[in-house]
Amino acid sequence: MFNNPFSFQGRIRRFEYGLSIIIMFAFILVVGFFVGFTGVGDGFIYVLLMPAYWFRLAQGAKRCHDRGNSGWFQIIPFYGLWMLLADSENGVNEYGPNPKGIGNYRKSN
């Protein structure tokens, strides 16, 4: 779990995707409290939040890959909710093997 979390390659399960969203929001809260209490400039918060948004986009792309779609599908409104609820594509697809290990074999004649 969380192998190469900032990479846009591969596939992840629903649990890892949901956990990554929780981690991102927790990080945003911590950064917000830090900036609020220390009083550093408002522009500085965007610099601190860039890794969180990169992490979120990378994890979203991997979840799209698990569904058999391009990572660009995550910009569709409410598709993130669908990624949390819908099951993965069985077997190996163009983005890699199923992270659940289901159907990761190919028939040989």
N, C-alpha and C. Protein backbone atom coordinates (compact mmCIF):
# COMPACT_ATOMS: atom_id res chain seq x y z
N MET A 1 0.84 -1.18 0.00
CA MET A 1 0.00 0.00 0.00
C MET A 1 0.89 1.24 0.00
N PHE A 2 0.47 2.24 -0.69
CA PHE A 2 1.18 3.51 -0.84
C PHE A 2 2.58 3.32 -1.42
N ASN A 3 2.68 2.46 -2.43
CA ASN A 3 3.92 2.36 -3.20
C ASN A 3 3.95 3.51 -4.19
N ASN A 4 4.98 4.31 -4.14
CA ASN A 4 5.12 5.48 -5.02
C ASN A 4 3.87 6.36 -5.00
N PRO A 5 3.53 6.96 -3.86
CA PRO A 5 2.27 7.72 -3.76
C PRO A 5 2.21 8.97 -4.62
N PHE A 6 3.34 9.47 -5.10
CA PHE A 6 3.33 10.67 -5.94
C PHE A 6 3.46 10.34 -7.43
N SER A 7 3.44 9.05 -7.76
CA SER A 7 3.55 8.61 -9.15
C SER A 7 2.15 8.47 -9.76
N PHE A 8 2.06 8.70 -11.05
CA PHE A 8 0.79 8.58 -11.75
C PHE A 8 0.66 7.23 -12.45
N GLN A 9 1.55 6.30 -12.19
CA GLN A 9 1.57 4.99 -12.84
C GLN A 9 1.01 3.93 -11.90
N GLY A 10 0.25 2.98 -12.45
CA GLY A 10 -0.21 1.85 -11.68
C GLY A 10 -1.68 1.94 -11.31
N ARG A 11 -2.07 1.06 -10.38
CA ARG A 11 -3.47 0.94 -9.94
C ARG A 11 -3.50 0.85 -8.43
N ILE A 12 -4.58 1.36 -7.83
CA ILE A 12 -4.79 1.23 -6.39
C ILE A 12 -6.23 0.81 -6.12
N ARG A 13 -6.45 0.25 -4.94
CA ARG A 13 -7.77 -0.20 -4.53
C ARG A 13 -8.58 0.96 -3.95
N ARG A 14 -9.87 0.70 -3.72
CA ARG A 14 -10.77 1.71 -3.14
C ARG A 14 -10.30 2.14 -1.76
N PHE A 15 -9.86 1.20 -0.95
CA PHE A 15 -9.44 1.52 0.42
C PHE A 15 -8.27 2.49 0.42
N GLU A 16 -7.28 2.23 -0.41
CA GLU A 16 -6.12 3.13 -0.47
C GLU A 16 -6.52 4.50 -1.00
N TYR A 17 -7.45 4.54 -1.95
CA TYR A 17 -7.93 5.83 -2.48
C TYR A 17 -8.66 6.62 -1.39
N GLY A 18 -9.55 5.95 -0.66
CA GLY A 18 -10.27 6.62 0.42
C GLY A 18 -9.35 7.09 1.52
N LEU A 19 -8.38 6.26 1.86
CA LEU A 19 -7.40 6.63 2.89
C LEU A 19 -6.54 7.80 2.43
N SER A 20 -6.22 7.86 1.15
CA SER A 20 -5.42 8.98 0.64
C SER A 20 -6.20 10.29 0.70
N ILE A 21 -7.51 10.25 0.50
CA ILE A 21 -8.33 11.45 0.62
C ILE A 21 -8.35 11.93 2.06
N ILE A 22 -8.48 11.01 3.00
CA ILE A 22 -8.47 11.38 4.43
C ILE A 22 -7.13 11.98 4.82
N ILE A 23 -6.04 11.38 4.35
CA ILE A 23 -4.70 11.89 4.65
C ILE A 23 -4.52 13.29 4.07
N MET A 24 -5.01 13.49 2.85
CA MET A 24 -4.87 14.81 2.23
C MET A 24 -5.62 15.88 3.02
N PHE A 25 -6.85 15.60 3.43
CA PHE A 25 -7.61 16.58 4.19
C PHE A 25 -6.99 16.84 5.56
N ALA A 26 -6.45 15.81 6.19
CA ALA A 26 -5.77 16.00 7.48
C ALA A 26 -4.54 16.89 7.30
N PHE A 27 -3.79 16.67 6.23
CA PHE A 27 -2.62 17.51 5.95
C PHE A 27 -3.04 18.95 5.71
N ILE A 28 -4.12 19.15 4.96
CA ILE A 28 -4.61 20.51 4.70
C ILE A 28 -5.01 21.20 6.00
N LEU A 29 -5.67 20.46 6.90
CA LEU A 29 -6.04 21.05 8.19
C LEU A 29 -4.82 21.45 9.01
N VAL A 30 -3.82 20.58 9.04
CA VAL A 30 -2.60 20.88 9.80
C VAL A 30 -1.89 22.10 9.21
N VAL A 31 -1.79 22.16 7.90
CA VAL A 31 -1.15 23.31 7.25
C VAL A 31 -1.96 24.58 7.52
N GLY A 32 -3.28 24.47 7.44
CA GLY A 32 -4.12 25.64 7.71
C GLY A 32 -3.96 26.16 9.13
N PHE A 33 -3.92 25.26 10.11
CA PHE A 33 -3.70 25.69 11.49
C PHE A 33 -2.31 26.29 11.67
N PHE A 34 -1.32 25.68 11.03
CA PHE A 34 0.04 26.19 11.12
C PHE A 34 0.13 27.61 10.57
N VAL A 35 -0.44 27.81 9.39
CA VAL A 35 -0.40 29.13 8.77
C VAL A 35 -1.22 30.13 9.57
N GLY A 36 -2.36 29.69 10.11
CA GLY A 36 -3.19 30.58 10.90
C GLY A 36 -2.54 31.01 12.20
N PHE A 37 -1.88 30.09 12.88
CA PHE A 37 -1.26 30.42 14.17
C PHE A 37 0.04 31.18 14.02
N THR A 38 0.79 30.89 12.99
CA THR A 38 2.09 31.57 12.85
C THR A 38 1.96 32.91 12.14
N GLY A 39 0.91 33.07 11.35
CA GLY A 39 0.70 34.34 10.67
C GLY A 39 1.61 34.56 9.48
N VAL A 40 2.17 33.49 8.93
CA VAL A 40 2.99 33.66 7.72
C VAL A 40 2.08 34.09 6.58
N GLY A 41 2.63 34.59 5.51
CA GLY A 41 1.86 35.14 4.41
C GLY A 41 0.86 34.18 3.81
N ASP A 42 -0.22 34.75 3.27
CA ASP A 42 -1.26 33.92 2.67
C ASP A 42 -0.75 33.17 1.45
N GLY A 43 0.15 33.73 0.69
CA GLY A 43 0.69 33.07 -0.49
C GLY A 43 1.52 31.85 -0.14
N PHE A 44 2.07 31.81 1.06
CA PHE A 44 2.91 30.70 1.49
C PHE A 44 2.10 29.41 1.65
N ILE A 45 0.82 29.54 1.94
CA ILE A 45 -0.01 28.34 2.13
C ILE A 45 -0.12 27.54 0.83
N TYR A 46 -0.11 28.24 -0.30
CA TYR A 46 -0.21 27.54 -1.59
C TYR A 46 1.05 26.71 -1.86
N VAL A 47 2.17 27.21 -1.45
CA VAL A 47 3.43 26.46 -1.60
C VAL A 47 3.39 25.21 -0.72
N LEU A 48 2.86 25.34 0.48
CA LEU A 48 2.79 24.20 1.39
C LEU A 48 1.76 23.16 0.94
N LEU A 49 0.74 23.58 0.23
CA LEU A 49 -0.32 22.66 -0.17
C LEU A 49 -0.05 21.97 -1.51
N MET A 50 0.94 22.42 -2.24
CA MET A 50 1.23 21.80 -3.54
C MET A 50 1.50 20.29 -3.46
N PRO A 51 2.27 19.80 -2.48
CA PRO A 51 2.45 18.34 -2.39
C PRO A 51 1.15 17.59 -2.12
N ALA A 52 0.24 18.18 -1.35
CA ALA A 52 -1.03 17.52 -1.06
C ALA A 52 -1.87 17.39 -2.33
N TYR A 53 -1.91 18.43 -3.14
CA TYR A 53 -2.69 18.37 -4.37
C TYR A 53 -2.05 17.42 -5.38
N TRP A 54 -0.73 17.39 -5.44
CA TRP A 54 -0.04 16.44 -6.32
C TRP A 54 -0.35 15.00 -5.90
N PHE A 55 -0.28 14.76 -4.60
CA PHE A 55 -0.60 13.45 -4.02
C PHE A 55 -2.02 13.05 -4.39
N ARG A 56 -2.96 13.97 -4.24
CA ARG A 56 -4.38 13.70 -4.53
C ARG A 56 -4.58 13.39 -6.01
N LEU A 57 -3.95 14.15 -6.89
CA LEU A 57 -4.09 13.90 -8.33
C LEU A 57 -3.46 12.56 -8.73
N ALA A 58 -2.31 12.24 -8.15
CA ALA A 58 -1.64 10.97 -8.47
C ALA A 58 -2.48 9.79 -8.00
N GLN A 59 -3.01 9.85 -6.78
CA GLN A 59 -3.82 8.76 -6.27
C GLN A 59 -5.13 8.64 -7.06
N GLY A 60 -5.70 9.77 -7.46
CA GLY A 60 -6.91 9.74 -8.27
C GLY A 60 -6.67 9.12 -9.63
N ALA A 61 -5.53 9.44 -10.23
CA ALA A 61 -5.19 8.85 -11.53
C ALA A 61 -5.03 7.34 -11.41
N LYS A 62 -4.39 6.89 -10.34
CA LYS A 62 -4.21 5.45 -10.16
C LYS A 62 -5.54 4.74 -9.93
N ARG A 63 -6.45 5.41 -9.24
CA ARG A 63 -7.78 4.81 -9.03
C ARG A 63 -8.55 4.77 -10.35
N CYS A 64 -8.42 5.81 -11.17
CA CYS A 64 -9.03 5.79 -12.51
C CYS A 64 -8.46 4.63 -13.32
N HIS A 65 -7.17 4.41 -13.22
CA HIS A 65 -6.53 3.30 -13.93
C HIS A 65 -7.10 1.97 -13.46
N ASP A 66 -7.39 1.85 -12.17
CA ASP A 66 -7.95 0.62 -11.65
C ASP A 66 -9.34 0.36 -12.22
N ARG A 67 -10.03 1.41 -12.56
CA ARG A 67 -11.36 1.28 -13.18
C ARG A 67 -11.25 1.07 -14.69
N GLY A 68 -10.04 1.15 -15.24
CA GLY A 68 -9.83 0.95 -16.67
C GLY A 68 -9.97 2.23 -17.47
N ASN A 69 -9.88 3.39 -16.81
CA ASN A 69 -10.04 4.68 -17.46
C ASN A 69 -8.75 5.48 -17.39
N SER A 70 -8.70 6.52 -18.20
CA SER A 70 -7.58 7.46 -18.15
C SER A 70 -7.66 8.26 -16.85
N GLY A 71 -6.54 8.76 -16.40
CA GLY A 71 -6.52 9.59 -15.20
C GLY A 71 -7.28 10.89 -15.35
N TRP A 72 -7.53 11.31 -16.58
CA TRP A 72 -8.29 12.54 -16.82
C TRP A 72 -9.75 12.42 -16.42
N PHE A 73 -10.24 11.20 -16.22
CA PHE A 73 -11.63 11.02 -15.81
C PHE A 73 -11.91 11.64 -14.46
N GLN A 74 -10.89 11.83 -13.64
CA GLN A 74 -11.12 12.37 -12.29
C GLN A 74 -11.57 13.82 -12.30
N ILE A 75 -11.47 14.51 -13.43
CA ILE A 75 -11.96 15.89 -13.46
C ILE A 75 -13.46 15.97 -13.74
N ILE A 76 -14.09 14.83 -14.01
CA ILE A 76 -15.55 14.79 -14.19
C ILE A 76 -16.20 15.01 -12.83
N PRO A 77 -17.18 15.91 -12.74
CA PRO A 77 -17.83 16.15 -11.44
C PRO A 77 -18.41 14.87 -10.86
N PHE A 78 -18.20 14.66 -9.59
CA PHE A 78 -18.69 13.53 -8.80
C PHE A 78 -18.08 12.18 -9.20
N TYR A 79 -17.10 12.18 -10.08
CA TYR A 79 -16.46 10.91 -10.44
C TYR A 79 -15.63 10.37 -9.28
N GLY A 80 -15.14 11.26 -8.42
CA GLY A 80 -14.41 10.82 -7.24
C GLY A 80 -15.28 9.97 -6.33
N LEU A 81 -16.55 10.30 -6.22
CA LEU A 81 -17.48 9.49 -5.43
C LEU A 81 -17.67 8.13 -6.09
N TRP A 82 -17.77 8.12 -7.41
CA TRP A 82 -17.91 6.86 -8.13
C TRP A 82 -16.67 5.98 -7.92
N MET A 83 -15.49 6.61 -7.88
CA MET A 83 -14.27 5.83 -7.67
C MET A 83 -14.23 5.21 -6.28
N LEU A 84 -14.89 5.86 -5.32
CA LEU A 84 -14.95 5.28 -3.97
C LEU A 84 -15.91 4.11 -3.89
N LEU A 85 -16.94 4.11 -4.71
CA LEU A 85 -17.99 3.10 -4.61
C LEU A 85 -17.86 1.95 -5.59
N ALA A 86 -17.36 2.21 -6.77
CA ALA A 86 -17.32 1.19 -7.83
C ALA A 86 -16.13 0.25 -7.67
N ASP A 87 -16.34 -0.98 -8.07
CA ASP A 87 -15.28 -2.00 -7.97
C ASP A 87 -14.29 -1.83 -9.12
N SER A 88 -13.15 -2.48 -8.97
CA SER A 88 -12.08 -2.37 -9.97
C SER A 88 -12.36 -3.28 -11.15
N GLU A 89 -11.61 -3.06 -12.21
CA GLU A 89 -11.68 -3.91 -13.38
C GLU A 89 -10.90 -5.19 -13.09
N ASN A 90 -11.51 -6.33 -13.34
CA ASN A 90 -10.86 -7.60 -13.05
C ASN A 90 -9.69 -7.86 -13.98
N GLY A 91 -8.69 -8.50 -13.44
CA GLY A 91 -7.55 -8.91 -14.25
C GLY A 91 -6.60 -7.80 -14.59
N VAL A 92 -5.73 -8.11 -15.51
CA VAL A 92 -4.71 -7.17 -15.96
C VAL A 92 -5.34 -6.25 -17.00
N ASN A 93 -5.11 -4.95 -16.88
CA ASN A 93 -5.53 -4.03 -17.93
C ASN A 93 -4.29 -3.29 -18.41
N GLU A 94 -4.46 -2.28 -19.25
CA GLU A 94 -3.30 -1.59 -19.83
C GLU A 94 -2.47 -0.84 -18.80
N TYR A 95 -2.99 -0.65 -17.58
CA TYR A 95 -2.28 0.09 -16.54
C TYR A 95 -1.58 -0.81 -15.53
N GLY A 96 -1.77 -2.11 -15.64
CA GLY A 96 -1.08 -3.04 -14.75
C GLY A 96 -2.01 -4.10 -14.20
N PRO A 97 -1.48 -4.94 -13.30
CA PRO A 97 -2.28 -6.01 -12.71
C PRO A 97 -3.27 -5.47 -11.68
N ASN A 98 -4.30 -6.24 -11.43
CA ASN A 98 -5.30 -5.88 -10.43
C ASN A 98 -4.64 -5.89 -9.05
N PRO A 99 -4.78 -4.80 -8.27
CA PRO A 99 -4.14 -4.77 -6.95
C PRO A 99 -4.73 -5.79 -5.97
N LYS A 100 -5.92 -6.27 -6.24
CA LYS A 100 -6.52 -7.30 -5.39
C LYS A 100 -5.96 -8.69 -5.71
N GLY A 101 -5.32 -8.81 -6.86
CA GLY A 101 -4.78 -10.10 -7.27
C GLY A 101 -5.80 -10.99 -7.94
N ILE A 102 -6.99 -10.45 -8.23
CA ILE A 102 -8.06 -11.24 -8.84
C ILE A 102 -7.90 -11.22 -10.35
N GLY A 103 -7.80 -12.39 -10.93
CA GLY A 103 -7.75 -12.51 -12.38
C GLY A 103 -6.45 -12.03 -12.99
N ASN A 104 -5.35 -12.05 -12.26
CA ASN A 104 -4.07 -11.58 -12.77
C ASN A 104 -3.32 -12.68 -13.52
N TYR A 105 -4.02 -13.54 -14.12
CA TYR A 105 -3.39 -14.61 -14.91
C TYR A 105 -3.90 -14.50 -16.33
N ARG A 106 -3.14 -14.99 -17.23
CA ARG A 106 -3.55 -15.01 -18.64
C ARG A 106 -3.61 -16.47 -19.08
N LYS A 107 -4.63 -16.78 -19.87
CA LYS A 107 -4.75 -18.15 -20.38
C LYS A 107 -3.69 -18.39 -21.43
N SER A 108 -3.09 -19.52 -21.37
CA SER A 108 -2.13 -19.91 -22.41
C SER A 108 -2.61 -21.20 -23.04
N ASN A 109 -2.60 -21.25 -24.34
CA ASN A 109 -3.09 -22.43 -25.06
C ASN A 109 -1.96 -23.34 -25.42
